[in-house]
Amino acid sequence: MTSKQLIDAFIDALWVENGLSKNTLSAYASDLRIFNKSLAKKPLNQASNSDIALFLSQRYEQGISSRSSARILSSLRRFYTYLQRENHIDSDPTALIDTPRIGRRLPGSLSEHDVELLLNAPEPSSVLGSRDKAMLEMLYATGLRVSELVSLTTHQINLRMGVLRITGKGNKERLTPIGEQAMDCLEEYMQHSRKALLSERPCNVVFVTNRGTGMTRQAFWHIIKRYAKKADISKELSPHTLRHAFATHLLNHGADLRVVQLLLGHSDLSTTQIYTHIANERLKDLHSHYHPRG
């Protein structure tokens, strides 16, 4: 098999066996194609330990972070484990390569005040402003991933019960409550602005563009940045900023960690525990600011 065929077979196996999202599968494929290109004419199933070590060293010299190096190595490990399992190679060339040491990175979040500024930035009296406000309110109220929000369909919403049925990573389903304010914005958008944007064109995606098609993650990310600028929020944002704020603010107000885990759709509690560090930092800041001996 050619290197391209090996990559395609690996990606297909990941999808069938693990049900990974398109974005995750795309990241795996991208890492493997970049590594394959570095090998020149040598096929992937003939790569050696030295080839991989040299590749990671070159990427580091090009300025990628240790976290990115660790992610690339993880992709290669999984790929070569698959090749060995399928008898395409005799031994795993990644076996003796150490994972780069990385610090624990806390996700970026926003204060409750900044979230209010961001949520109030759209003009709900306009068609697009109503849509944008509904999307921002939904992100903060539910903790959805941006990809889950933009792919949301009308069949996943139960307005009577006030819940969403979300299929997350690994095709795992979860029920997510919407919340009253987000529900009001969503109903207003669905009844008026969405119909105006669709102009009777058929589409089952909830949040649509003025062309009557579903919105992309990239387009919504630009929308978030535009409203952050309008709200004069100088803090650096990421596509998951409101998801992080959702989790952090729940914990700050006393929510149980396992409840937050279920709402976020994390399969492992350790993934959710990183938000306790943010909550603890917030407590330290409050203590330092208000205690007479802080």
C-alpha atoms as a PDB file:
ATOM      1  CA  MET A   1       0.000   0.000   0.000  1.00  0.00           C
ATOM      2  CA  THR A   2       1.126   3.550  -0.687  1.00  0.00           C
ATOM      3  CA  SER A   3       1.554   6.076   2.125  1.00  0.00           C
ATOM      4  CA  LYS A   4      -1.660   7.795   1.065  1.00  0.00           C
ATOM      5  CA  GLN A   5      -3.554   4.506   1.177  1.00  0.00           C
ATOM      6  CA  LEU A   6      -2.146   3.740   4.630  1.00  0.00           C
ATOM      7  CA  ILE A   7      -3.264   7.130   5.940  1.00  0.00           C
ATOM      8  CA  ASP A   8      -6.736   6.731   4.414  1.00  0.00           C
ATOM      9  CA  ALA A   9      -7.111   3.224   5.883  1.00  0.00           C
ATOM     10  CA  PHE A  10      -6.005   4.490   9.305  1.00  0.00           C
ATOM     11  CA  ILE A  11      -8.466   7.401   9.254  1.00  0.00           C
ATOM     12  CA  ASP A  12     -11.281   5.059   8.201  1.00  0.00           C
ATOM     13  CA  ALA A  13     -10.385   2.701  11.071  1.00  0.00           C
ATOM     14  CA  LEU A  14     -10.425   5.597  13.573  1.00  0.00           C
ATOM     15  CA  TRP A  15     -13.859   6.657  12.376  1.00  0.00           C
ATOM     16  CA  VAL A  16     -15.333   3.143  12.467  1.00  0.00           C
ATOM     17  CA  GLU A  17     -13.749   2.037  15.764  1.00  0.00           C
ATOM     18  CA  ASN A  18     -13.805   5.265  17.769  1.00  0.00           C
ATOM     19  CA  GLY A  19     -16.394   7.477  16.087  1.00  0.00           C
ATOM     20  CA  LEU A  20     -14.083  10.495  16.233  1.00  0.00           C
ATOM     21  CA  SER A  21     -15.277  13.849  14.928  1.00  0.00           C
ATOM     22  CA  LYS A  22     -14.379  15.122  11.462  1.00  0.00           C
ATOM     23  CA  ASN A  23     -12.163  17.807  13.013  1.00  0.00           C
ATOM     24  CA  THR A  24     -10.181  15.239  15.020  1.00  0.00           C
ATOM     25  CA  LEU A  25      -9.804  12.923  12.026  1.00  0.00           C
ATOM     26  CA  SER A  26      -8.677  15.878   9.904  1.00  0.00           C
ATOM     27  CA  ALA A  27      -6.016  16.766  12.510  1.00  0.00           C
ATOM     28  CA  TYR A  28      -4.664  13.193  12.487  1.00  0.00           C
ATOM     29  CA  ALA A  29      -4.536  13.140   8.686  1.00  0.00           C
ATOM     30  CA  SER A  30      -2.821  16.530   8.540  1.00  0.00           C
ATOM     31  CA  ASP A  31      -0.084  15.483  10.998  1.00  0.00           C
ATOM     32  CA  LEU A  32       0.581  12.310   9.018  1.00  0.00           C
ATOM     33  CA  ARG A  33       0.708  14.098   5.657  1.00  0.00           C
ATOM     34  CA  ILE A  34       3.201  16.644   6.988  1.00  0.00           C
ATOM     35  CA  PHE A  35       5.390  13.855   8.368  1.00  0.00           C
ATOM     36  CA  ASN A  36       5.060  11.896   5.118  1.00  0.00           C
ATOM     37  CA  LYS A  37       6.223  14.954   3.161  1.00  0.00           C
ATOM     38  CA  SER A  38       9.317  15.207   5.364  1.00  0.00           C
ATOM     39  CA  LEU A  39      10.305  11.653   4.413  1.00  0.00           C
ATOM     40  CA  ALA A  40      10.723  12.628   0.745  1.00  0.00           C
ATOM     41  CA  LYS A  41      10.372   9.393  -1.206  1.00  0.00           C
ATOM     42  CA  LYS A  42      10.491   6.963   1.725  1.00  0.00           C
ATOM     43  CA  PRO A  43       7.051   5.403   2.430  1.00  0.00           C
ATOM     44  CA  LEU A  44       5.516   5.782   5.872  1.00  0.00           C
ATOM     45  CA  ASN A  45       5.731   2.081   6.681  1.00  0.00           C
ATOM     46  CA  GLN A  46       9.520   2.256   6.299  1.00  0.00           C
ATOM     47  CA  ALA A  47      10.061   5.266   8.585  1.00  0.00           C
ATOM     48  CA  SER A  48      12.584   4.725  11.379  1.00  0.00           C
ATOM     49  CA  ASN A  49      12.978   5.987  14.906  1.00  0.00           C
ATOM     50  CA  SER A  50      15.609   8.428  13.609  1.00  0.00           C
ATOM     51  CA  ASP A  51      13.263   9.779  10.928  1.00  0.00           C
ATOM     52  CA  ILE A  52      10.635  10.607  13.545  1.00  0.00           C
ATOM     53  CA  ALA A  53      13.132  12.106  15.997  1.00  0.00           C
ATOM     54  CA  LEU A  54      14.599  14.294  13.227  1.00  0.00           C
ATOM     55  CA  PHE A  55      11.148  15.394  12.106  1.00  0.00           C
ATOM     56  CA  LEU A  56      10.125  16.427  15.641  1.00  0.00           C
ATOM     57  CA  SER A  57      13.436  18.237  16.097  1.00  0.00           C
ATOM     58  CA  GLN A  58      12.952  20.172  12.868  1.00  0.00           C
ATOM     59  CA  ARG A  59       9.406  21.120  13.811  1.00  0.00           C
ATOM     60  CA  TYR A  60      10.645  22.371  17.178  1.00  0.00           C
ATOM     61  CA  GLU A  61      13.295  24.498  15.462  1.00  0.00           C
ATOM     62  CA  GLN A  62      10.543  25.951  13.260  1.00  0.00           C
ATOM     63  CA  GLY A  63       8.915  27.293  16.425  1.00  0.00           C
ATOM     64  CA  ILE A  64       6.079  24.901  17.281  1.00  0.00           C
ATOM     65  CA  SER A  65       5.318  24.491  20.989  1.00  0.00           C
ATOM     66  CA  SER A  66       6.037  21.433  23.088  1.00  0.00           C
ATOM     67  CA  ARG A  67       2.281  20.902  23.301  1.00  0.00           C
ATOM     68  CA  SER A  68       2.014  20.773  19.502  1.00  0.00           C
ATOM     69  CA  SER A  69       5.003  18.408  19.358  1.00  0.00           C
ATOM     70  CA  ALA A  70       3.299  16.132  21.863  1.00  0.00           C
ATOM     71  CA  ARG A  71       0.109  16.150  19.781  1.00  0.00           C
ATOM     72  CA  ILE A  72       2.019  15.262  16.604  1.00  0.00           C
ATOM     73  CA  LEU A  73       3.849  12.446  18.375  1.00  0.00           C
ATOM     74  CA  SER A  74       0.526  11.171  19.700  1.00  0.00           C
ATOM     75  CA  SER A  75      -0.805  11.058  16.113  1.00  0.00           C
ATOM     76  CA  LEU A  76       2.265   9.148  14.949  1.00  0.00           C
ATOM     77  CA  ARG A  77       2.091   6.705  17.871  1.00  0.00           C
ATOM     78  CA  ARG A  78      -1.519   5.888  17.129  1.00  0.00           C
ATOM     79  CA  PHE A  79      -0.794   5.504  13.411  1.00  0.00           C
ATOM     80  CA  TYR A  80       2.141   3.125  13.903  1.00  0.00           C
ATOM     81  CA  THR A  81       0.260   1.131  16.535  1.00  0.00           C
ATOM     82  CA  TYR A  82      -2.424   0.632  13.877  1.00  0.00           C
ATOM     83  CA  LEU A  83       0.165  -0.361  11.225  1.00  0.00           C
ATOM     84  CA  GLN A  84       1.723  -2.898  13.591  1.00  0.00           C
ATOM     85  CA  ARG A  85      -1.693  -4.325  14.467  1.00  0.00           C
ATOM     86  CA  GLU A  86      -2.522  -4.699  10.758  1.00  0.00           C
ATOM     87  CA  ASN A  87       0.871  -6.330  10.068  1.00  0.00           C
ATOM     88  CA  HIS A  88       2.104  -3.503   7.831  1.00  0.00           C
ATOM     89  CA  ILE A  89       5.231  -3.127  10.025  1.00  0.00           C
ATOM     90  CA  ASP A  90       7.135  -5.421  12.389  1.00  0.00           C
ATOM     91  CA  SER A  91       7.991  -2.867  15.088  1.00  0.00           C
ATOM     92  CA  ASP A  92       6.781   0.544  16.213  1.00  0.00           C
ATOM     93  CA  PRO A  93       9.328   3.300  15.358  1.00  0.00           C
ATOM     94  CA  THR A  94       7.798   5.650  17.974  1.00  0.00           C
ATOM     95  CA  ALA A  95       8.326   3.218  20.871  1.00  0.00           C
ATOM     96  CA  LEU A  96      11.587   4.717  22.144  1.00  0.00           C
ATOM     97  CA  ILE A  97      10.714   8.399  21.622  1.00  0.00           C
ATOM     98  CA  ASP A  98       9.851  10.356  24.767  1.00  0.00           C
ATOM     99  CA  THR A  99       6.824  12.625  24.806  1.00  0.00           C
ATOM    100  CA  PRO A 100       7.829  16.314  25.139  1.00  0.00           C
ATOM    101  CA  ARG A 101       7.228  17.668  28.621  1.00  0.00           C
ATOM    102  CA  ILE A 102       4.420  20.211  28.674  1.00  0.00           C
ATOM    103  CA  GLY A 103       2.973  22.360  31.388  1.00  0.00           C
ATOM    104  CA  ARG A 104      -0.655  22.179  32.385  1.00  0.00           C
ATOM    105  CA  ARG A 105      -2.351  24.914  30.391  1.00  0.00           C
ATOM    106  CA  LEU A 106      -5.397  26.543  31.883  1.00  0.00           C
ATOM    107  CA  PRO A 107      -8.090  27.333  29.319  1.00  0.00           C
ATOM    108  CA  GLY A 108      -8.854  30.995  28.745  1.00  0.00           C
ATOM    109  CA  SER A 109     -12.067  32.258  30.277  1.00  0.00           C
ATOM    110  CA  LEU A 110     -13.990  35.493  30.811  1.00  0.00           C
ATOM    111  CA  SER A 111     -15.289  37.160  33.944  1.00  0.00           C
ATOM    112  CA  GLU A 112     -19.045  37.245  34.442  1.00  0.00           C
ATOM    113  CA  HIS A 113     -18.952  40.975  33.745  1.00  0.00           C
ATOM    114  CA  ASP A 114     -17.150  40.467  30.415  1.00  0.00           C
ATOM    115  CA  VAL A 115     -19.605  37.726  29.449  1.00  0.00           C
ATOM    116  CA  GLU A 116     -22.495  40.129  30.048  1.00  0.00           C
ATOM    117  CA  LEU A 117     -20.796  42.734  27.840  1.00  0.00           C
ATOM    118  CA  LEU A 118     -20.284  40.155  25.085  1.00  0.00           C
ATOM    119  CA  LEU A 119     -23.847  38.821  25.257  1.00  0.00           C
ATOM    120  CA  ASN A 120     -25.267  42.331  25.094  1.00  0.00           C
ATOM    121  CA  ALA A 121     -23.119  43.386  22.118  1.00  0.00           C
ATOM    122  CA  PRO A 122     -25.449  42.124  19.314  1.00  0.00           C
ATOM    123  CA  GLU A 123     -28.445  44.246  18.356  1.00  0.00           C
ATOM    124  CA  PRO A 124     -31.399  41.843  18.790  1.00  0.00           C
ATOM    125  CA  SER A 125     -33.817  44.045  16.840  1.00  0.00           C
ATOM    126  CA  SER A 126     -32.032  43.174  13.577  1.00  0.00           C
ATOM    127  CA  VAL A 127     -32.284  39.811  11.848  1.00  0.00           C
ATOM    128  CA  LEU A 128     -28.569  39.003  12.088  1.00  0.00           C
ATOM    129  CA  GLY A 129     -28.269  40.520  15.544  1.00  0.00           C
ATOM    130  CA  SER A 130     -31.092  38.289  16.801  1.00  0.00           C
ATOM    131  CA  ARG A 131     -29.319  35.232  15.378  1.00  0.00           C
ATOM    132  CA  ASP A 132     -25.941  36.217  16.809  1.00  0.00           C
ATOM    133  CA  LYS A 133     -27.351  36.943  20.264  1.00  0.00           C
ATOM    134  CA  ALA A 134     -29.146  33.586  20.283  1.00  0.00           C
ATOM    135  CA  MET A 135     -25.907  31.811  19.365  1.00  0.00           C
ATOM    136  CA  LEU A 136     -23.860  33.574  22.035  1.00  0.00           C
ATOM    137  CA  GLU A 137     -26.528  33.034  24.681  1.00  0.00           C
ATOM    138  CA  MET A 138     -26.771  29.353  23.735  1.00  0.00           C
ATOM    139  CA  LEU A 139     -23.004  28.846  23.972  1.00  0.00           C
ATOM    140  CA  TYR A 140     -22.803  30.374  27.429  1.00  0.00           C
ATOM    141  CA  ALA A 141     -25.988  28.700  28.702  1.00  0.00           C
ATOM    142  CA  THR A 142     -25.147  25.190  27.515  1.00  0.00           C
ATOM    143  CA  GLY A 143     -21.345  24.920  27.314  1.00  0.00           C
ATOM    144  CA  LEU A 144     -21.572  23.445  23.808  1.00  0.00           C
ATOM    145  CA  ARG A 145     -18.519  23.168  21.616  1.00  0.00           C
ATOM    146  CA  VAL A 146     -18.681  25.630  18.706  1.00  0.00           C
ATOM    147  CA  SER A 147     -18.809  22.685  16.275  1.00  0.00           C
ATOM    148  CA  GLU A 148     -21.814  21.285  18.191  1.00  0.00           C
ATOM    149  CA  LEU A 149     -23.582  24.644  18.069  1.00  0.00           C
ATOM    150  CA  VAL A 150     -23.180  25.307  14.342  1.00  0.00           C
ATOM    151  CA  SER A 151     -24.220  21.744  13.460  1.00  0.00           C
ATOM    152  CA  LEU A 152     -27.298  21.852  15.718  1.00  0.00           C
ATOM    153  CA  THR A 153     -30.482  20.804  13.898  1.00  0.00           C
ATOM    154  CA  THR A 154     -34.112  21.520  14.658  1.00  0.00           C
ATOM    155  CA  HIS A 155     -34.624  17.828  15.521  1.00  0.00           C
ATOM    156  CA  GLN A 156     -32.161  18.134  18.426  1.00  0.00           C
ATOM    157  CA  ILE A 157     -34.150  20.868  20.186  1.00  0.00           C
ATOM    158  CA  ASN A 158     -37.067  20.239  22.527  1.00  0.00           C
ATOM    159  CA  LEU A 159     -38.372  23.718  23.370  1.00  0.00           C
ATOM    160  CA  ARG A 160     -41.212  22.332  25.483  1.00  0.00           C
ATOM    161  CA  MET A 161     -38.768  20.577  27.823  1.00  0.00           C
ATOM    162  CA  GLY A 162     -36.017  23.164  27.367  1.00  0.00           C
ATOM    163  CA  VAL A 163     -33.272  20.683  26.442  1.00  0.00           C
ATOM    164  CA  LEU A 164     -30.946  19.814  23.590  1.00  0.00           C
ATOM    165  CA  ARG A 165     -29.976  16.309  22.532  1.00  0.00           C
ATOM    166  CA  ILE A 166     -26.301  16.595  21.630  1.00  0.00           C
ATOM    167  CA  THR A 167     -24.102  13.985  19.955  1.00  0.00           C
ATOM    168  CA  GLY A 168     -20.575  14.807  21.078  1.00  0.00           C
ATOM    169  CA  LYS A 169     -17.155  13.262  20.672  1.00  0.00           C
ATOM    170  CA  GLY A 170     -17.158   9.501  20.231  1.00  0.00           C
ATOM    171  CA  ASN A 171     -20.832   9.684  19.141  1.00  0.00           C
ATOM    172  CA  LYS A 172     -21.862   9.943  22.802  1.00  0.00           C
ATOM    173  CA  GLU A 173     -25.263  11.496  23.403  1.00  0.00           C
ATOM    174  CA  ARG A 174     -26.096  13.873  26.240  1.00  0.00           C
ATOM    175  CA  LEU A 175     -29.098  15.977  27.221  1.00  0.00           C
ATOM    176  CA  THR A 176     -28.244  19.623  27.864  1.00  0.00           C
ATOM    177  CA  PRO A 177     -30.597  22.116  29.532  1.00  0.00           C
ATOM    178  CA  ILE A 178     -30.901  25.444  27.718  1.00  0.00           C
ATOM    179  CA  GLY A 179     -31.830  27.950  30.444  1.00  0.00           C
ATOM    180  CA  GLU A 180     -34.545  30.611  30.406  1.00  0.00           C
ATOM    181  CA  GLN A 181     -32.685  33.572  28.904  1.00  0.00           C
ATOM    182  CA  ALA A 182     -31.110  31.495  26.141  1.00  0.00           C
ATOM    183  CA  MET A 183     -34.497  29.840  25.521  1.00  0.00           C
ATOM    184  CA  ASP A 184     -36.179  33.224  25.072  1.00  0.00           C
ATOM    185  CA  CYS A 185     -33.500  34.352  22.595  1.00  0.00           C
ATOM    186  CA  LEU A 186     -33.666  31.043  20.721  1.00  0.00           C
ATOM    187  CA  GLU A 187     -37.469  31.126  20.415  1.00  0.00           C
ATOM    188  CA  GLU A 188     -37.400  34.735  19.221  1.00  0.00           C
ATOM    189  CA  TYR A 189     -34.790  33.855  16.591  1.00  0.00           C
ATOM    190  CA  MET A 190     -36.592  30.690  15.469  1.00  0.00           C
ATOM    191  CA  GLN A 191     -39.958  32.412  15.086  1.00  0.00           C
ATOM    192  CA  HIS A 192     -38.781  35.506  13.240  1.00  0.00           C
ATOM    193  CA  SER A 193     -35.141  35.935  12.154  1.00  0.00           C
ATOM    194  CA  ARG A 194     -34.533  32.356  11.030  1.00  0.00           C
ATOM    195  CA  LYS A 195     -37.593  32.423   8.795  1.00  0.00           C
ATOM    196  CA  ALA A 196     -36.431  35.713   7.287  1.00  0.00           C
ATOM    197  CA  LEU A 197     -32.940  34.336   6.605  1.00  0.00           C
ATOM    198  CA  LEU A 198     -34.265  31.150   4.999  1.00  0.00           C
ATOM    199  CA  SER A 199     -36.930  32.844   2.859  1.00  0.00           C
ATOM    200  CA  GLU A 200     -38.791  29.511   2.673  1.00  0.00           C
ATOM    201  CA  ARG A 201     -35.653  27.628   1.596  1.00  0.00           C
ATOM    202  CA  PRO A 202     -35.477  24.153   3.217  1.00  0.00           C
ATOM    203  CA  CYS A 203     -32.785  23.719   5.892  1.00  0.00           C
ATOM    204  CA  ASN A 204     -32.824  21.746   9.151  1.00  0.00           C
ATOM    205  CA  VAL A 205     -29.766  23.479  10.630  1.00  0.00           C
ATOM    206  CA  VAL A 206     -30.816  25.876  13.393  1.00  0.00           C
ATOM    207  CA  PHE A 207     -28.364  28.732  12.853  1.00  0.00           C
ATOM    208  CA  VAL A 208     -28.203  29.838   9.229  1.00  0.00           C
ATOM    209  CA  THR A 209     -26.553  32.552   7.154  1.00  0.00           C
ATOM    210  CA  ASN A 210     -28.301  35.110   4.946  1.00  0.00           C
ATOM    211  CA  ARG A 211     -27.727  32.644   2.089  1.00  0.00           C
ATOM    212  CA  GLY A 212     -29.983  30.133   3.800  1.00  0.00           C
ATOM    213  CA  THR A 213     -27.171  27.684   4.604  1.00  0.00           C
ATOM    214  CA  GLY A 214     -25.650  26.444   7.840  1.00  0.00           C
ATOM    215  CA  MET A 215     -22.928  28.558   9.409  1.00  0.00           C
ATOM    216  CA  THR A 216     -19.328  27.347   9.616  1.00  0.00           C
ATOM    217  CA  ARG A 217     -17.183  27.339  12.762  1.00  0.00           C
ATOM    218  CA  GLN A 218     -14.817  29.823  11.131  1.00  0.00           C
ATOM    219  CA  ALA A 219     -17.616  32.270  10.279  1.00  0.00           C
ATOM    220  CA  PHE A 220     -18.992  32.183  13.811  1.00  0.00           C
ATOM    221  CA  TRP A 221     -15.513  32.631  15.245  1.00  0.00           C
ATOM    222  CA  HIS A 222     -15.190  35.872  13.273  1.00  0.00           C
ATOM    223  CA  ILE A 223     -18.569  36.952  14.639  1.00  0.00           C
ATOM    224  CA  ILE A 224     -17.414  36.359  18.238  1.00  0.00           C
ATOM    225  CA  LYS A 225     -14.253  38.389  17.675  1.00  0.00           C
ATOM    226  CA  ARG A 226     -16.260  41.229  16.139  1.00  0.00           C
ATOM    227  CA  TYR A 227     -18.592  41.442  19.127  1.00  0.00           C
ATOM    228  CA  ALA A 228     -15.675  41.152  21.571  1.00  0.00           C
ATOM    229  CA  LYS A 229     -14.121  44.182  19.897  1.00  0.00           C
ATOM    230  CA  LYS A 230     -17.444  46.032  20.050  1.00  0.00           C
ATOM    231  CA  ALA A 231     -17.746  45.202  23.765  1.00  0.00           C
ATOM    232  CA  ASP A 232     -14.178  46.458  24.310  1.00  0.00           C
ATOM    233  CA  ILE A 233     -13.004  43.085  25.634  1.00  0.00           C
ATOM    234  CA  SER A 234      -9.222  43.111  25.309  1.00  0.00           C
ATOM    235  CA  LYS A 235      -8.643  39.602  26.683  1.00  0.00           C
ATOM    236  CA  GLU A 236      -7.521  37.073  24.084  1.00  0.00           C
ATOM    237  CA  LEU A 237     -10.389  34.804  23.094  1.00  0.00           C
ATOM    238  CA  SER A 238     -10.562  31.299  21.673  1.00  0.00           C
ATOM    239  CA  PRO A 239     -13.433  29.452  19.960  1.00  0.00           C
ATOM    240  CA  HIS A 240     -14.072  27.722  23.310  1.00  0.00           C
ATOM    241  CA  THR A 241     -13.985  30.867  25.491  1.00  0.00           C
ATOM    242  CA  LEU A 242     -17.700  30.789  26.343  1.00  0.00           C
ATOM    243  CA  ARG A 243     -17.560  27.028  26.952  1.00  0.00           C
ATOM    244  CA  HIS A 244     -14.737  27.616  29.426  1.00  0.00           C
ATOM    245  CA  ALA A 245     -16.656  30.496  31.034  1.00  0.00           C
ATOM    246  CA  PHE A 246     -19.720  28.233  31.341  1.00  0.00           C
ATOM    247  CA  ALA A 247     -17.754  25.599  33.280  1.00  0.00           C
ATOM    248  CA  THR A 248     -15.771  28.053  35.409  1.00  0.00           C
ATOM    249  CA  HIS A 249     -18.777  30.116  36.454  1.00  0.00           C
ATOM    250  CA  LEU A 250     -20.771  27.002  37.365  1.00  0.00           C
ATOM    251  CA  LEU A 251     -17.970  25.861  39.670  1.00  0.00           C
ATOM    252  CA  ASN A 252     -17.560  29.356  41.116  1.00  0.00           C
ATOM    253  CA  HIS A 253     -21.232  29.236  42.093  1.00  0.00           C
ATOM    254  CA  GLY A 254     -20.951  25.820  43.760  1.00  0.00           C
ATOM    255  CA  ALA A 255     -21.827  23.321  41.032  1.00  0.00           C
ATOM    256  CA  ASP A 256     -20.660  19.732  41.524  1.00  0.00           C
ATOM    257  CA  LEU A 257     -17.698  18.761  39.342  1.00  0.00           C
ATOM    258  CA  ARG A 258     -19.408  15.622  38.043  1.00  0.00           C
ATOM    259  CA  VAL A 259     -22.450  17.625  36.981  1.00  0.00           C
ATOM    260  CA  VAL A 260     -20.166  19.968  35.018  1.00  0.00           C
ATOM    261  CA  GLN A 261     -18.491  16.888  33.491  1.00  0.00           C
ATOM    262  CA  LEU A 262     -21.851  15.601  32.247  1.00  0.00           C
ATOM    263  CA  LEU A 263     -22.883  18.989  30.883  1.00  0.00           C
ATOM    264  CA  LEU A 264     -19.610  19.402  28.988  1.00  0.00           C
ATOM    265  CA  GLY A 265     -19.722  15.846  27.638  1.00  0.00           C
ATOM    266  CA  HIS A 266     -16.300  14.906  29.032  1.00  0.00           C
ATOM    267  CA  SER A 267     -15.705  11.167  29.171  1.00  0.00           C
ATOM    268  CA  ASP A 268     -12.994  11.536  31.832  1.00  0.00           C
ATOM    269  CA  LEU A 269     -13.381  13.559  35.037  1.00  0.00           C
ATOM    270  CA  SER A 270      -9.700  14.548  34.898  1.00  0.00           C
ATOM    271  CA  THR A 271     -10.462  16.632  31.804  1.00  0.00           C
ATOM    272  CA  THR A 272     -13.059  18.599  33.758  1.00  0.00           C
ATOM    273  CA  GLN A 273     -10.829  19.000  36.813  1.00  0.00           C
ATOM    274  CA  ILE A 274      -8.699  21.602  35.054  1.00  0.00           C
ATOM    275  CA  TYR A 275     -11.547  24.066  35.665  1.00  0.00           C
ATOM    276  CA  THR A 276     -11.146  23.686  39.414  1.00  0.00           C
ATOM    277  CA  HIS A 277      -7.733  25.326  39.030  1.00  0.00           C
ATOM    278  CA  ILE A 278      -9.382  28.349  37.426  1.00  0.00           C
ATOM    279  CA  ALA A 279     -11.962  28.508  40.211  1.00  0.00           C
ATOM    280  CA  ASN A 280      -9.202  28.296  42.824  1.00  0.00           C
ATOM    281  CA  GLU A 281      -7.302  31.122  41.132  1.00  0.00           C
ATOM    282  CA  ARG A 282     -10.466  33.210  41.273  1.00  0.00           C
ATOM    283  CA  LEU A 283     -10.807  32.536  45.006  1.00  0.00           C
ATOM    284  CA  LYS A 284      -7.197  33.578  45.558  1.00  0.00           C
ATOM    285  CA  ASP A 285      -7.774  36.826  43.668  1.00  0.00           C
ATOM    286  CA  LEU A 286     -10.885  37.598  45.731  1.00  0.00           C
ATOM    287  CA  HIS A 287      -9.060  36.821  48.977  1.00  0.00           C
ATOM    288  CA  SER A 288      -6.103  38.983  48.004  1.00  0.00           C
ATOM    289  CA  HIS A 289      -8.353  41.870  47.005  1.00  0.00           C
ATOM    290  CA  TYR A 290     -10.830  41.909  49.893  1.00  0.00           C
ATOM    291  CA  HIS A 291      -9.082  40.401  52.925  1.00  0.00           C
ATOM    292  CA  PRO A 292      -7.317  43.001  55.125  1.00  0.00           C
ATOM    293  CA  ARG A 293      -4.225  40.791  55.274  1.00  0.00           C
ATOM    294  CA  GLY A 294      -4.514  39.472  51.716  1.00  0.00           C
END
